[in-house]
Amino acid sequence: MRANLVIVCRDTERGQTALQEIKSKSGNSSVELMICDLASQAQIRKLAEEFKQKHTRLDVLINNAGVILTRRSVTEDGLESTFAINHLA
């Protein structure tokens, strides 16, 4: 039985490239792309709702998102960006 894989990317074009590469190299056609900017709490909540509408469960979560910023920046939610992306998302 093949896994159903959902990848989340912030950029549609780069996400589509990753999606096609995963499908090609794995031979698994059950790969889905969802778009979300993990710096936005609103987008994270929207992603969670969309995921719950499409899927009945989540068995494994691998979080590979992260940033190291050389200058302090704040998200649209008023949160420090590194903390928001690396820990809250």
Protein backbone atom coordinates (compact mmCIF):
# COMPACT_ATOMS: atom_id res chain seq x y z
CA MET A 1 0.00 0.00 0.00
CA ARG A 2 1.38 3.38 -1.01
CA ALA A 3 1.21 6.38 1.24
CA ASN A 4 -0.84 9.44 0.40
CA LEU A 5 1.63 12.30 0.62
CA VAL A 6 0.70 15.93 1.06
CA ILE A 7 3.43 18.52 0.64
CA VAL A 8 2.99 22.11 1.72
CA CYS A 9 4.89 24.88 -0.03
CA ARG A 10 4.68 28.63 0.03
CA ASP A 11 5.48 29.06 -3.67
CA THR A 12 3.21 27.36 -6.23
CA GLU A 13 5.81 27.09 -8.98
CA ARG A 14 8.48 25.59 -6.73
CA GLY A 15 5.85 23.37 -5.14
CA GLN A 16 4.76 22.03 -8.53
CA THR A 17 8.39 21.29 -9.38
CA ALA A 18 8.84 19.39 -6.10
CA LEU A 19 5.54 17.57 -6.63
CA GLN A 20 6.54 16.33 -10.08
CA GLU A 21 9.99 15.28 -8.86
CA ILE A 22 8.54 13.30 -5.95
CA LYS A 23 6.03 11.57 -8.21
CA SER A 24 8.67 10.79 -10.81
CA LYS A 25 11.31 9.46 -8.43
CA SER A 26 8.95 7.58 -6.11
CA GLY A 27 6.53 6.20 -8.67
CA ASN A 28 3.74 7.26 -6.30
CA SER A 29 1.05 9.27 -8.06
CA SER A 30 -0.78 9.93 -4.78
CA VAL A 31 1.06 13.15 -3.99
CA GLU A 32 -0.83 16.39 -3.38
CA LEU A 33 0.39 19.98 -3.16
CA MET A 34 -1.13 22.50 -0.78
CA ILE A 35 -0.01 26.13 -0.67
CA CYS A 36 0.60 28.01 2.58
CA ASP A 37 2.89 30.74 3.84
CA LEU A 38 3.88 29.46 7.28
CA ALA A 39 4.58 33.03 8.42
CA SER A 40 0.82 33.72 8.35
CA GLN A 41 -1.36 32.37 11.13
CA ALA A 42 -4.44 32.93 8.94
CA GLN A 43 -2.95 30.86 6.12
CA ILE A 44 -1.97 28.10 8.56
CA ARG A 45 -5.53 27.93 9.89
CA LYS A 46 -6.90 27.89 6.32
CA LEU A 47 -4.49 25.09 5.40
CA ALA A 48 -5.60 23.06 8.43
CA GLU A 49 -9.26 23.45 7.48
CA GLU A 50 -8.62 22.50 3.85
CA PHE A 51 -6.61 19.48 4.98
CA LYS A 52 -9.39 18.34 7.33
CA GLN A 53 -11.96 18.66 4.53
CA LYS A 54 -9.91 16.44 2.19
CA HIS A 55 -8.40 13.93 4.61
CA THR A 56 -9.74 11.92 7.53
CA ARG A 57 -6.44 11.65 9.37
CA LEU A 58 -2.79 12.61 9.53
CA ASP A 59 -0.46 9.72 10.38
CA VAL A 60 2.96 11.36 10.09
CA LEU A 61 4.03 15.00 10.04
CA ILE A 62 7.52 15.99 8.93
CA ASN A 63 8.19 19.68 9.29
CA ASN A 64 11.06 20.81 7.14
CA ALA A 65 10.24 24.52 7.14
CA GLY A 66 12.62 26.88 8.79
CA VAL A 67 14.40 30.17 8.41
CA ILE A 68 17.43 31.90 9.82
CA LEU A 69 17.07 35.64 9.39
CA THR A 70 20.02 37.97 9.85
CA ARG A 71 17.73 40.91 10.64
CA ARG A 72 14.72 40.97 12.91
CA SER A 73 11.43 41.03 11.07
CA VAL A 74 7.81 40.75 12.10
CA THR A 75 5.03 38.76 10.42
CA GLU A 76 1.65 40.19 9.42
CA ASP A 77 0.42 38.90 12.79
CA GLY A 78 2.97 40.98 14.72
CA LEU A 79 5.09 37.95 15.65
CA GLU A 80 8.85 37.76 15.30
CA SER A 81 9.35 35.92 11.98
CA THR A 82 11.88 33.28 13.01
CA PHE A 83 9.78 32.28 16.03
CA ALA A 84 6.55 32.27 14.02
CA ILE A 85 7.89 30.14 11.16
CA ASN A 86 10.24 27.81 13.03
CA HIS A 87 8.11 27.16 16.11
CA LEU A 88 4.47 28.23 15.77
CA ALA A 89 3.88 27.01 12.24
